[in-house]
């Protein structure tokens, strides 16, 4: 029988307490290992389709680990928890991962959460990208792939993100209602919030990220270096389960969307729309991260002055678990 899924949202006040507990466990040499010998792994994520492979928690009978998904509402809180050591692993925006690593966080990228999967969605009175001039556009974080995507989209139309639009940062779950009440003219974010607004007729899709930056990476799975060093077998089991969940989502989007509800808290019909309309809107069948993937993101961060120093990417990327999972993935 599968371990019961332990899943709860986390508040900012929990971060320090959890971080201290984790630090204490490491200090006494008993790093989150249960009485049955399974390694306890906290996996941070947001309620977005980019993190849909967290359904592995309900699909997999883990032998070497006990998986505890922890849902966050915003990227700053997740990044803070990952940096503090409150989480063992986390799906994070690649620019956030690179920024944390550059600042000394002991993390490595070991898997992708997805490819593609973001949308620029605007109010119904916005007909084209150039209509965003002088208007307010929401992004989930300054250090987000969405910020980079938006800058690419605007530049193609002769607009400058810093000069021609007003950027505001909003947690993804708040974007749809902000659009509905007219507080913003558009948002760019991971699904299913674009699909949600689209299906509610609150706005229209101006661009899908798959058409702006084909096959791009966005969220990657980060793991603490001490977890990798102490429990590589458990890390491999986790990566294999997430990879398998990605294959399952590719082949069975309806079933995967249904399984996602306890983790994402989203309407499965909206999730399925985001996964399939059109095909390729978000993909889960190629989750092996590459130096080129990380390099493209880092180059854009430096270009748009979101980073001033480069991360040593070969030391940051540990793709051995993903490559082994790909070679042995079942469906």
C-alpha atoms as a PDB file:
ATOM      1  CA  UNK A   1       0.000   0.000   0.000  1.00  0.00           C
ATOM      2  CA  UNK A   2       1.253   3.472  -0.869  1.00  0.00           C
ATOM      3  CA  UNK A   3       2.276   5.812   1.933  1.00  0.00           C
ATOM      4  CA  UNK A   4      -0.489   8.347   2.566  1.00  0.00           C
ATOM      5  CA  UNK A   5       0.269  11.608   0.822  1.00  0.00           C
ATOM      6  CA  UNK A   6       1.151  14.305   3.321  1.00  0.00           C
ATOM      7  CA  UNK A   7       0.230  17.519   1.570  1.00  0.00           C
ATOM      8  CA  UNK A   8      -0.397  20.947   3.016  1.00  0.00           C
ATOM      9  CA  UNK A   9       0.110  24.595   2.140  1.00  0.00           C
ATOM     10  CA  UNK A  10       2.944  26.383   3.899  1.00  0.00           C
ATOM     11  CA  UNK A  11       2.930  29.885   5.325  1.00  0.00           C
ATOM     12  CA  UNK A  12       5.913  32.205   5.645  1.00  0.00           C
ATOM     13  CA  UNK A  13       5.903  31.780   9.426  1.00  0.00           C
ATOM     14  CA  UNK A  14       6.537  28.053   8.936  1.00  0.00           C
ATOM     15  CA  UNK A  15       9.734  28.576   6.987  1.00  0.00           C
ATOM     16  CA  UNK A  16      12.045  29.444   9.860  1.00  0.00           C
ATOM     17  CA  UNK A  17      10.613  26.730  12.102  1.00  0.00           C
ATOM     18  CA  UNK A  18      10.983  24.060   9.427  1.00  0.00           C
ATOM     19  CA  UNK A  19      14.435  25.293   8.513  1.00  0.00           C
ATOM     20  CA  UNK A  20      15.592  25.041  12.118  1.00  0.00           C
ATOM     21  CA  UNK A  21      14.182  21.526  12.360  1.00  0.00           C
ATOM     22  CA  UNK A  22      15.961  20.482   9.196  1.00  0.00           C
ATOM     23  CA  UNK A  23      19.226  22.026  10.352  1.00  0.00           C
ATOM     24  CA  UNK A  24      18.882  20.196  13.647  1.00  0.00           C
ATOM     25  CA  UNK A  25      18.355  16.880  11.919  1.00  0.00           C
ATOM     26  CA  UNK A  26      21.451  17.408   9.803  1.00  0.00           C
ATOM     27  CA  UNK A  27      23.507  18.449  12.807  1.00  0.00           C
ATOM     28  CA  UNK A  28      22.807  15.235  14.709  1.00  0.00           C
ATOM     29  CA  UNK A  29      23.471  13.090  11.677  1.00  0.00           C
ATOM     30  CA  UNK A  30      19.891  11.807  11.351  1.00  0.00           C
ATOM     31  CA  UNK A  31      18.793  13.608   8.246  1.00  0.00           C
ATOM     32  CA  UNK A  32      15.038  13.127   7.990  1.00  0.00           C
ATOM     33  CA  UNK A  33      15.173   9.320   8.106  1.00  0.00           C
ATOM     34  CA  UNK A  34      12.066   7.592   9.445  1.00  0.00           C
ATOM     35  CA  UNK A  35      12.014   4.606  11.748  1.00  0.00           C
ATOM     36  CA  UNK A  36      11.333   2.332   8.766  1.00  0.00           C
ATOM     37  CA  UNK A  37      14.531   3.526   7.094  1.00  0.00           C
ATOM     38  CA  UNK A  38      12.814   5.641   4.436  1.00  0.00           C
ATOM     39  CA  UNK A  39      14.239   9.077   3.753  1.00  0.00           C
ATOM     40  CA  UNK A  40      11.721  11.845   4.329  1.00  0.00           C
ATOM     41  CA  UNK A  41      11.815  14.245   1.385  1.00  0.00           C
ATOM     42  CA  UNK A  42       9.896  17.517   1.374  1.00  0.00           C
ATOM     43  CA  UNK A  43       9.144  18.671  -2.174  1.00  0.00           C
ATOM     44  CA  UNK A  44       8.083  22.288  -2.631  1.00  0.00           C
ATOM     45  CA  UNK A  45       5.820  23.289  -5.488  1.00  0.00           C
ATOM     46  CA  UNK A  46       3.178  25.798  -6.600  1.00  0.00           C
ATOM     47  CA  UNK A  47      -0.406  25.080  -7.754  1.00  0.00           C
ATOM     48  CA  UNK A  48       0.543  25.179 -11.435  1.00  0.00           C
ATOM     49  CA  UNK A  49       0.607  22.691 -14.287  1.00  0.00           C
ATOM     50  CA  UNK A  50       4.393  23.123 -14.493  1.00  0.00           C
ATOM     51  CA  UNK A  51       4.490  21.024 -11.328  1.00  0.00           C
ATOM     52  CA  UNK A  52       1.890  18.457 -12.335  1.00  0.00           C
ATOM     53  CA  UNK A  53       4.363  15.568 -12.099  1.00  0.00           C
ATOM     54  CA  UNK A  54       3.989  15.854  -8.327  1.00  0.00           C
ATOM     55  CA  UNK A  55       1.131  13.387  -8.930  1.00  0.00           C
ATOM     56  CA  UNK A  56       3.928  10.827  -8.579  1.00  0.00           C
ATOM     57  CA  UNK A  57       3.232  11.096  -4.846  1.00  0.00           C
ATOM     58  CA  UNK A  58      -0.083   9.272  -5.330  1.00  0.00           C
ATOM     59  CA  UNK A  59       1.012   6.972  -8.162  1.00  0.00           C
ATOM     60  CA  UNK A  60       4.182   5.505  -6.688  1.00  0.00           C
ATOM     61  CA  UNK A  61       4.849   3.006  -3.957  1.00  0.00           C
ATOM     62  CA  UNK A  62       8.194   4.356  -2.846  1.00  0.00           C
ATOM     63  CA  UNK A  63      10.676   1.934  -1.337  1.00  0.00           C
ATOM     64  CA  UNK A  64      13.425   4.294  -0.230  1.00  0.00           C
ATOM     65  CA  UNK A  65      11.640   7.542   0.571  1.00  0.00           C
ATOM     66  CA  UNK A  66       8.561   9.110   2.055  1.00  0.00           C
ATOM     67  CA  UNK A  67       7.479  12.028  -0.116  1.00  0.00           C
ATOM     68  CA  UNK A  68       5.860  15.102   1.434  1.00  0.00           C
ATOM     69  CA  UNK A  69       4.648  17.607  -1.178  1.00  0.00           C
ATOM     70  CA  UNK A  70       4.442  21.143   0.244  1.00  0.00           C
ATOM     71  CA  UNK A  71       2.359  23.652  -1.694  1.00  0.00           C
ATOM     72  CA  UNK A  72       3.279  27.338  -1.762  1.00  0.00           C
ATOM     73  CA  UNK A  73       1.225  30.257  -3.056  1.00  0.00           C
ATOM     74  CA  UNK A  74       4.138  32.387  -4.254  1.00  0.00           C
ATOM     75  CA  UNK A  75       7.668  32.100  -5.582  1.00  0.00           C
ATOM     76  CA  UNK A  76       9.357  34.270  -2.913  1.00  0.00           C
ATOM     77  CA  UNK A  77       8.093  31.977  -0.154  1.00  0.00           C
ATOM     78  CA  UNK A  78       9.218  28.837  -1.968  1.00  0.00           C
ATOM     79  CA  UNK A  79      12.637  30.342  -2.727  1.00  0.00           C
ATOM     80  CA  UNK A  80      13.067  31.377   0.901  1.00  0.00           C
ATOM     81  CA  UNK A  81      12.192  27.894   2.118  1.00  0.00           C
ATOM     82  CA  UNK A  82      14.573  26.227  -0.331  1.00  0.00           C
ATOM     83  CA  UNK A  83      17.401  28.567   0.640  1.00  0.00           C
ATOM     84  CA  UNK A  84      16.724  28.077   4.366  1.00  0.00           C
ATOM     85  CA  UNK A  85      16.821  24.291   4.110  1.00  0.00           C
ATOM     86  CA  UNK A  86      13.144  23.864   4.968  1.00  0.00           C
ATOM     87  CA  UNK A  87      12.783  21.860   1.766  1.00  0.00           C
ATOM     88  CA  UNK A  88      14.884  18.968   0.541  1.00  0.00           C
ATOM     89  CA  UNK A  89      13.762  19.434  -3.054  1.00  0.00           C
ATOM     90  CA  UNK A  90      11.650  21.991  -4.889  1.00  0.00           C
ATOM     91  CA  UNK A  91      10.354  22.813  -8.320  1.00  0.00           C
ATOM     92  CA  UNK A  92      11.545  26.371  -8.883  1.00  0.00           C
ATOM     93  CA  UNK A  93      11.754  28.810 -11.745  1.00  0.00           C
ATOM     94  CA  UNK A  94      15.134  28.366 -13.389  1.00  0.00           C
ATOM     95  CA  UNK A  95      16.093  32.046 -12.888  1.00  0.00           C
ATOM     96  CA  UNK A  96      15.322  31.666  -9.174  1.00  0.00           C
ATOM     97  CA  UNK A  97      17.421  28.500  -9.026  1.00  0.00           C
ATOM     98  CA  UNK A  98      20.332  30.225 -10.744  1.00  0.00           C
ATOM     99  CA  UNK A  99      20.041  33.242  -8.438  1.00  0.00           C
ATOM    100  CA  UNK A 100      20.003  31.071  -5.314  1.00  0.00           C
ATOM    101  CA  UNK A 101      23.007  29.100  -6.550  1.00  0.00           C
ATOM    102  CA  UNK A 102      24.884  32.295  -7.396  1.00  0.00           C
ATOM    103  CA  UNK A 103      24.274  33.460  -3.820  1.00  0.00           C
ATOM    104  CA  UNK A 104      25.709  30.239  -2.421  1.00  0.00           C
ATOM    105  CA  UNK A 105      22.693  28.014  -1.828  1.00  0.00           C
ATOM    106  CA  UNK A 106      23.861  24.357  -1.810  1.00  0.00           C
ATOM    107  CA  UNK A 107      21.463  23.136  -4.489  1.00  0.00           C
ATOM    108  CA  UNK A 108      21.693  21.389  -7.830  1.00  0.00           C
ATOM    109  CA  UNK A 109      19.264  21.053 -10.725  1.00  0.00           C
ATOM    110  CA  UNK A 110      18.460  17.366 -11.220  1.00  0.00           C
ATOM    111  CA  UNK A 111      15.313  17.290 -13.408  1.00  0.00           C
ATOM    112  CA  UNK A 112      12.929  19.531 -15.319  1.00  0.00           C
ATOM    113  CA  UNK A 113       9.320  19.944 -14.302  1.00  0.00           C
ATOM    114  CA  UNK A 114       8.125  20.419 -17.889  1.00  0.00           C
ATOM    115  CA  UNK A 115       8.834  22.291 -21.111  1.00  0.00           C
ATOM    116  CA  UNK A 116       6.751  25.163 -22.524  1.00  0.00           C
ATOM    117  CA  UNK A 117       3.601  25.817 -20.486  1.00  0.00           C
ATOM    118  CA  UNK A 118       3.236  29.591 -20.058  1.00  0.00           C
ATOM    119  CA  UNK A 119       0.824  32.103 -21.540  1.00  0.00           C
ATOM    120  CA  UNK A 120       0.521  35.844 -22.083  1.00  0.00           C
ATOM    121  CA  UNK A 121      -3.146  36.547 -21.523  1.00  0.00           C
ATOM    122  CA  UNK A 122      -4.704  39.995 -21.873  1.00  0.00           C
ATOM    123  CA  UNK A 123      -8.036  41.659 -21.174  1.00  0.00           C
ATOM    124  CA  UNK A 124     -10.568  41.461 -23.961  1.00  0.00           C
ATOM    125  CA  UNK A 125     -10.021  45.074 -25.025  1.00  0.00           C
ATOM    126  CA  UNK A 126      -6.349  44.347 -25.759  1.00  0.00           C
ATOM    127  CA  UNK A 127      -6.211  43.224 -29.375  1.00  0.00           C
ATOM    128  CA  UNK A 128      -2.477  42.929 -29.965  1.00  0.00           C
ATOM    129  CA  UNK A 129       0.797  43.069 -28.044  1.00  0.00           C
ATOM    130  CA  UNK A 130       1.413  46.713 -28.997  1.00  0.00           C
ATOM    131  CA  UNK A 131      -1.838  47.635 -27.203  1.00  0.00           C
ATOM    132  CA  UNK A 132      -0.030  46.920 -23.932  1.00  0.00           C
ATOM    133  CA  UNK A 133       1.969  50.137 -24.253  1.00  0.00           C
ATOM    134  CA  UNK A 134       1.422  52.178 -21.087  1.00  0.00           C
ATOM    135  CA  UNK A 135      -0.532  49.402 -19.383  1.00  0.00           C
ATOM    136  CA  UNK A 136       0.098  47.216 -16.331  1.00  0.00           C
ATOM    137  CA  UNK A 137       1.299  43.662 -16.903  1.00  0.00           C
ATOM    138  CA  UNK A 138       1.723  41.137 -14.086  1.00  0.00           C
ATOM    139  CA  UNK A 139       4.612  38.710 -13.802  1.00  0.00           C
ATOM    140  CA  UNK A 140       5.029  36.136 -11.008  1.00  0.00           C
ATOM    141  CA  UNK A 141       8.558  37.254 -10.118  1.00  0.00           C
ATOM    142  CA  UNK A 142      11.277  39.481 -11.422  1.00  0.00           C
ATOM    143  CA  UNK A 143      13.432  36.367 -11.394  1.00  0.00           C
ATOM    144  CA  UNK A 144      11.090  34.343 -13.569  1.00  0.00           C
ATOM    145  CA  UNK A 145      11.167  32.783 -16.989  1.00  0.00           C
ATOM    146  CA  UNK A 146       7.984  34.771 -17.600  1.00  0.00           C
ATOM    147  CA  UNK A 147       9.851  38.036 -17.204  1.00  0.00           C
ATOM    148  CA  UNK A 148      12.323  36.825 -19.834  1.00  0.00           C
ATOM    149  CA  UNK A 149       9.523  35.616 -22.107  1.00  0.00           C
ATOM    150  CA  UNK A 150       7.666  38.917 -21.832  1.00  0.00           C
ATOM    151  CA  UNK A 151      10.790  40.853 -22.730  1.00  0.00           C
ATOM    152  CA  UNK A 152      11.241  38.685 -25.823  1.00  0.00           C
ATOM    153  CA  UNK A 153       7.593  39.187 -26.828  1.00  0.00           C
ATOM    154  CA  UNK A 154       7.675  42.947 -26.323  1.00  0.00           C
ATOM    155  CA  UNK A 155      11.034  43.411 -28.037  1.00  0.00           C
ATOM    156  CA  UNK A 156       9.727  41.641 -31.132  1.00  0.00           C
ATOM    157  CA  UNK A 157       7.022  44.334 -31.346  1.00  0.00           C
ATOM    158  CA  UNK A 158       9.433  47.192 -30.710  1.00  0.00           C
ATOM    159  CA  UNK A 159       8.484  47.672 -27.039  1.00  0.00           C
ATOM    160  CA  UNK A 160      10.773  47.862 -24.031  1.00  0.00           C
ATOM    161  CA  UNK A 161       9.572  46.162 -20.836  1.00  0.00           C
ATOM    162  CA  UNK A 162      11.175  48.764 -18.582  1.00  0.00           C
ATOM    163  CA  UNK A 163      10.034  51.786 -20.542  1.00  0.00           C
ATOM    164  CA  UNK A 164       6.774  50.960 -22.291  1.00  0.00           C
ATOM    165  CA  UNK A 165       4.779  48.887 -19.784  1.00  0.00           C
ATOM    166  CA  UNK A 166       4.365  48.866 -16.019  1.00  0.00           C
ATOM    167  CA  UNK A 167       5.468  45.540 -14.539  1.00  0.00           C
ATOM    168  CA  UNK A 168       4.016  44.332 -11.239  1.00  0.00           C
ATOM    169  CA  UNK A 169       4.749  41.112  -9.382  1.00  0.00           C
ATOM    170  CA  UNK A 170       1.772  39.016  -8.305  1.00  0.00           C
ATOM    171  CA  UNK A 171       1.450  35.478  -6.955  1.00  0.00           C
ATOM    172  CA  UNK A 172       0.054  33.332  -9.786  1.00  0.00           C
ATOM    173  CA  UNK A 173      -3.220  32.507  -7.961  1.00  0.00           C
ATOM    174  CA  UNK A 174      -4.058  36.240  -7.727  1.00  0.00           C
ATOM    175  CA  UNK A 175      -3.641  37.071 -11.397  1.00  0.00           C
ATOM    176  CA  UNK A 176      -7.019  35.993 -12.767  1.00  0.00           C
ATOM    177  CA  UNK A 177      -9.018  38.024 -10.254  1.00  0.00           C
ATOM    178  CA  UNK A 178      -6.716  41.017 -10.733  1.00  0.00           C
ATOM    179  CA  UNK A 179      -7.476  40.863 -14.451  1.00  0.00           C
ATOM    180  CA  UNK A 180     -11.202  40.457 -13.786  1.00  0.00           C
ATOM    181  CA  UNK A 181     -11.393  43.615 -11.684  1.00  0.00           C
ATOM    182  CA  UNK A 182      -9.275  45.642 -14.090  1.00  0.00           C
ATOM    183  CA  UNK A 183      -6.249  46.048 -11.845  1.00  0.00           C
ATOM    184  CA  UNK A 184      -4.002  44.726 -14.618  1.00  0.00           C
ATOM    185  CA  UNK A 185      -4.299  44.654 -18.405  1.00  0.00           C
ATOM    186  CA  UNK A 186      -2.476  41.366 -18.889  1.00  0.00           C
ATOM    187  CA  UNK A 187      -0.441  38.710 -17.169  1.00  0.00           C
ATOM    188  CA  UNK A 188       2.167  36.180 -18.186  1.00  0.00           C
ATOM    189  CA  UNK A 189       2.396  33.090 -16.036  1.00  0.00           C
ATOM    190  CA  UNK A 190       2.384  29.320 -15.926  1.00  0.00           C
ATOM    191  CA  UNK A 191      -0.840  27.482 -16.584  1.00  0.00           C
ATOM    192  CA  UNK A 192      -3.578  26.806 -15.633  1.00  0.00           C
ATOM    193  CA  UNK A 193      -4.279  30.468 -14.841  1.00  0.00           C
ATOM    194  CA  UNK A 194      -4.262  31.481 -18.495  1.00  0.00           C
ATOM    195  CA  UNK A 195      -6.636  28.642 -19.307  1.00  0.00           C
ATOM    196  CA  UNK A 196      -8.802  29.613 -16.348  1.00  0.00           C
ATOM    197  CA  UNK A 197      -9.179  33.206 -17.554  1.00  0.00           C
ATOM    198  CA  UNK A 198      -9.642  32.023 -21.134  1.00  0.00           C
ATOM    199  CA  UNK A 199     -12.455  29.614 -20.246  1.00  0.00           C
ATOM    200  CA  UNK A 200     -14.149  32.259 -18.093  1.00  0.00           C
ATOM    201  CA  UNK A 201     -14.030  34.664 -21.060  1.00  0.00           C
ATOM    202  CA  UNK A 202     -12.089  37.193 -18.990  1.00  0.00           C
ATOM    203  CA  UNK A 203      -9.427  37.670 -21.627  1.00  0.00           C
ATOM    204  CA  UNK A 204      -7.686  36.286 -24.664  1.00  0.00           C
ATOM    205  CA  UNK A 205      -4.399  34.535 -25.325  1.00  0.00           C
ATOM    206  CA  UNK A 206      -1.895  36.889 -26.934  1.00  0.00           C
ATOM    207  CA  UNK A 207       0.959  34.385 -26.974  1.00  0.00           C
ATOM    208  CA  UNK A 208       1.820  30.875 -25.866  1.00  0.00           C
ATOM    209  CA  UNK A 209       5.368  30.418 -24.693  1.00  0.00           C
ATOM    210  CA  UNK A 210       5.863  27.393 -26.952  1.00  0.00           C
ATOM    211  CA  UNK A 211       5.595  29.756 -29.941  1.00  0.00           C
ATOM    212  CA  UNK A 212       7.889  32.406 -28.435  1.00  0.00           C
ATOM    213  CA  UNK A 213      10.704  30.161 -27.201  1.00  0.00           C
ATOM    214  CA  UNK A 214      10.058  26.637 -28.524  1.00  0.00           C
ATOM    215  CA  UNK A 215      10.742  23.798 -26.102  1.00  0.00           C
ATOM    216  CA  UNK A 216      11.975  26.201 -23.439  1.00  0.00           C
ATOM    217  CA  UNK A 217      12.581  25.260 -19.834  1.00  0.00           C
ATOM    218  CA  UNK A 218      10.934  27.075 -16.982  1.00  0.00           C
ATOM    219  CA  UNK A 219      10.732  25.125 -13.730  1.00  0.00           C
ATOM    220  CA  UNK A 220      13.390  22.668 -12.657  1.00  0.00           C
ATOM    221  CA  UNK A 221      13.643  20.307  -9.718  1.00  0.00           C
ATOM    222  CA  UNK A 222      16.295  21.477  -7.277  1.00  0.00           C
ATOM    223  CA  UNK A 223      17.776  19.182  -4.657  1.00  0.00           C
ATOM    224  CA  UNK A 224      19.935  19.996  -1.672  1.00  0.00           C
ATOM    225  CA  UNK A 225      23.504  18.815  -2.177  1.00  0.00           C
ATOM    226  CA  UNK A 226      23.580  17.029   1.165  1.00  0.00           C
ATOM    227  CA  UNK A 227      20.510  14.991   0.189  1.00  0.00           C
ATOM    228  CA  UNK A 228      22.156  13.962  -3.080  1.00  0.00           C
ATOM    229  CA  UNK A 229      25.374  13.003  -1.326  1.00  0.00           C
ATOM    230  CA  UNK A 230      23.759  11.072   1.528  1.00  0.00           C
ATOM    231  CA  UNK A 231      20.851   9.398  -0.266  1.00  0.00           C
ATOM    232  CA  UNK A 232      21.466   9.053  -4.012  1.00  0.00           C
ATOM    233  CA  UNK A 233      19.240   5.968  -4.246  1.00  0.00           C
ATOM    234  CA  UNK A 234      16.285   7.871  -2.811  1.00  0.00           C
ATOM    235  CA  UNK A 235      16.952  10.784  -5.160  1.00  0.00           C
ATOM    236  CA  UNK A 236      17.008   8.378  -8.094  1.00  0.00           C
ATOM    237  CA  UNK A 237      13.718   6.827  -7.027  1.00  0.00           C
ATOM    238  CA  UNK A 238      12.131  10.268  -6.784  1.00  0.00           C
ATOM    239  CA  UNK A 239      13.410  11.404 -10.186  1.00  0.00           C
ATOM    240  CA  UNK A 240      12.295   8.152 -11.805  1.00  0.00           C
ATOM    241  CA  UNK A 241       8.815   8.506 -10.317  1.00  0.00           C
ATOM    242  CA  UNK A 242       8.490  12.109 -11.516  1.00  0.00           C
ATOM    243  CA  UNK A 243       9.728  11.162 -14.978  1.00  0.00           C
ATOM    244  CA  UNK A 244       7.224   8.330 -15.110  1.00  0.00           C
ATOM    245  CA  UNK A 245       4.482  10.747 -14.053  1.00  0.00           C
ATOM    246  CA  UNK A 246       5.478  12.983 -16.951  1.00  0.00           C
ATOM    247  CA  UNK A 247       5.077  10.121 -19.397  1.00  0.00           C
ATOM    248  CA  UNK A 248       1.725   9.264 -17.849  1.00  0.00           C
ATOM    249  CA  UNK A 249       0.561  12.880 -18.213  1.00  0.00           C
ATOM    250  CA  UNK A 250       1.647  12.863 -21.857  1.00  0.00           C
ATOM    251  CA  UNK A 251      -0.258   9.689 -22.663  1.00  0.00           C
ATOM    252  CA  UNK A 252      -3.243  10.196 -20.339  1.00  0.00           C
ATOM    253  CA  UNK A 253      -3.894  13.933 -19.862  1.00  0.00           C
ATOM    254  CA  UNK A 254      -7.452  13.484 -18.624  1.00  0.00           C
ATOM    255  CA  UNK A 255      -6.448  11.022 -15.922  1.00  0.00           C
ATOM    256  CA  UNK A 256      -3.402  13.097 -14.967  1.00  0.00           C
ATOM    257  CA  UNK A 257      -5.539  16.224 -14.640  1.00  0.00           C
ATOM    258  CA  UNK A 258      -7.903  14.362 -12.317  1.00  0.00           C
ATOM    259  CA  UNK A 259      -5.013  13.102 -10.197  1.00  0.00           C
ATOM    260  CA  UNK A 260      -3.612  16.626  -9.924  1.00  0.00           C
ATOM    261  CA  UNK A 261      -6.516  18.088  -7.952  1.00  0.00           C
ATOM    262  CA  UNK A 262      -5.287  17.187  -4.426  1.00  0.00           C
ATOM    263  CA  UNK A 263      -1.890  18.706  -5.228  1.00  0.00           C
ATOM    264  CA  UNK A 264      -2.702  21.725  -7.391  1.00  0.00           C
ATOM    265  CA  UNK A 265      -6.185  22.471  -6.085  1.00  0.00           C
ATOM    266  CA  UNK A 266      -7.286  23.368  -9.606  1.00  0.00           C
ATOM    267  CA  UNK A 267     -10.341  22.346 -11.617  1.00  0.00           C
ATOM    268  CA  UNK A 268      -9.240  19.230 -13.551  1.00  0.00           C
ATOM    269  CA  UNK A 269     -11.140  20.394 -16.650  1.00  0.00           C
ATOM    270  CA  UNK A 270      -9.130  23.625 -16.675  1.00  0.00           C
ATOM    271  CA  UNK A 271      -5.894  21.715 -16.144  1.00  0.00           C
ATOM    272  CA  UNK A 272      -6.713  19.363 -19.004  1.00  0.00           C
ATOM    273  CA  UNK A 273      -7.493  22.340 -21.270  1.00  0.00           C
ATOM    274  CA  UNK A 274      -4.091  23.823 -20.417  1.00  0.00           C
ATOM    275  CA  UNK A 275      -2.432  20.496 -21.190  1.00  0.00           C
ATOM    276  CA  UNK A 276      -4.107  19.872 -24.530  1.00  0.00           C
ATOM    277  CA  UNK A 277      -5.534  23.023 -26.154  1.00  0.00           C
ATOM    278  CA  UNK A 278      -3.594  23.327 -28.337  1.00  0.00           C
ATOM    279  CA  UNK A 279      -1.326  20.255 -28.254  1.00  0.00           C
ATOM    280  CA  UNK A 280       2.112  21.097 -26.907  1.00  0.00           C
ATOM    281  CA  UNK A 281       0.890  23.980 -24.753  1.00  0.00           C
ATOM    282  CA  UNK A 282       2.826  22.284 -21.950  1.00  0.00           C
ATOM    283  CA  UNK A 283       4.873  19.091 -22.304  1.00  0.00           C
ATOM    284  CA  UNK A 284       6.260  16.498 -19.906  1.00  0.00           C
ATOM    285  CA  UNK A 285       7.996  13.982 -22.166  1.00  0.00           C
ATOM    286  CA  UNK A 286      11.517  15.465 -22.165  1.00  0.00           C
ATOM    287  CA  UNK A 287      12.538  16.266 -18.615  1.00  0.00           C
ATOM    288  CA  UNK A 288      16.308  15.828 -18.861  1.00  0.00           C
ATOM    289  CA  UNK A 289      17.961  19.210 -18.223  1.00  0.00           C
ATOM    290  CA  UNK A 290      20.948  20.209 -20.343  1.00  0.00           C
ATOM    291  CA  UNK A 291      23.703  22.765 -20.107  1.00  0.00           C
ATOM    292  CA  UNK A 292      22.210  24.429 -23.180  1.00  0.00           C
ATOM    293  CA  UNK A 293      18.844  24.778 -21.406  1.00  0.00           C
ATOM    294  CA  UNK A 294      20.407  26.464 -18.399  1.00  0.00           C
ATOM    295  CA  UNK A 295      22.779  28.475 -20.563  1.00  0.00           C
ATOM    296  CA  UNK A 296      19.944  29.984 -22.603  1.00  0.00           C
ATOM    297  CA  UNK A 297      18.204  31.140 -19.434  1.00  0.00           C
ATOM    298  CA  UNK A 298      21.386  32.477 -17.884  1.00  0.00           C
ATOM    299  CA  UNK A 299      22.279  34.363 -21.064  1.00  0.00           C
ATOM    300  CA  UNK A 300      18.899  36.091 -21.032  1.00  0.00           C
ATOM    301  CA  UNK A 301      19.241  36.935 -17.336  1.00  0.00           C
ATOM    302  CA  UNK A 302      22.550  38.639 -17.996  1.00  0.00           C
ATOM    303  CA  UNK A 303      21.201  40.336 -21.138  1.00  0.00           C
ATOM    304  CA  UNK A 304      18.265  41.812 -19.232  1.00  0.00           C
ATOM    305  CA  UNK A 305      20.375  42.658 -16.159  1.00  0.00           C
ATOM    306  CA  UNK A 306      18.709  40.147 -13.857  1.00  0.00           C
ATOM    307  CA  UNK A 307      22.141  38.682 -13.126  1.00  0.00           C
ATOM    308  CA  UNK A 308      25.591  40.228 -13.039  1.00  0.00           C
ATOM    309  CA  UNK A 309      27.664  37.067 -12.614  1.00  0.00           C
ATOM    310  CA  UNK A 310      27.458  33.688 -14.270  1.00  0.00           C
ATOM    311  CA  UNK A 311      26.903  30.439 -12.373  1.00  0.00           C
ATOM    312  CA  UNK A 312      29.297  27.576 -13.058  1.00  0.00           C
ATOM    313  CA  UNK A 313      26.694  25.506 -14.884  1.00  0.00           C
ATOM    314  CA  UNK A 314      28.575  22.158 -15.052  1.00  0.00           C
ATOM    315  CA  UNK A 315      28.810  22.235 -11.249  1.00  0.00           C
ATOM    316  CA  UNK A 316      25.176  23.285 -10.893  1.00  0.00           C
ATOM    317  CA  UNK A 317      23.694  20.617 -13.168  1.00  0.00           C
ATOM    318  CA  UNK A 318      23.524  16.990 -12.038  1.00  0.00           C
ATOM    319  CA  UNK A 319      21.669  15.211 -14.832  1.00  0.00           C
ATOM    320  CA  UNK A 320      22.668  11.616 -14.044  1.00  0.00           C
ATOM    321  CA  UNK A 321      19.400  10.812 -12.272  1.00  0.00           C
ATOM    322  CA  UNK A 322      17.270  12.217 -15.108  1.00  0.00           C
ATOM    323  CA  UNK A 323      19.269  10.402 -17.776  1.00  0.00           C
ATOM    324  CA  UNK A 324      18.937   7.100 -15.938  1.00  0.00           C
ATOM    325  CA  UNK A 325      15.212   7.688 -15.412  1.00  0.00           C
ATOM    326  CA  UNK A 326      14.726   8.406 -19.095  1.00  0.00           C
ATOM    327  CA  UNK A 327      16.423   5.190 -20.093  1.00  0.00           C
ATOM    328  CA  UNK A 328      14.242   3.089 -17.814  1.00  0.00           C
ATOM    329  CA  UNK A 329      10.939   4.956 -17.696  1.00  0.00           C
ATOM    330  CA  UNK A 330       7.809   2.877 -17.737  1.00  0.00           C
ATOM    331  CA  UNK A 331       4.370   4.121 -18.780  1.00  0.00           C
END
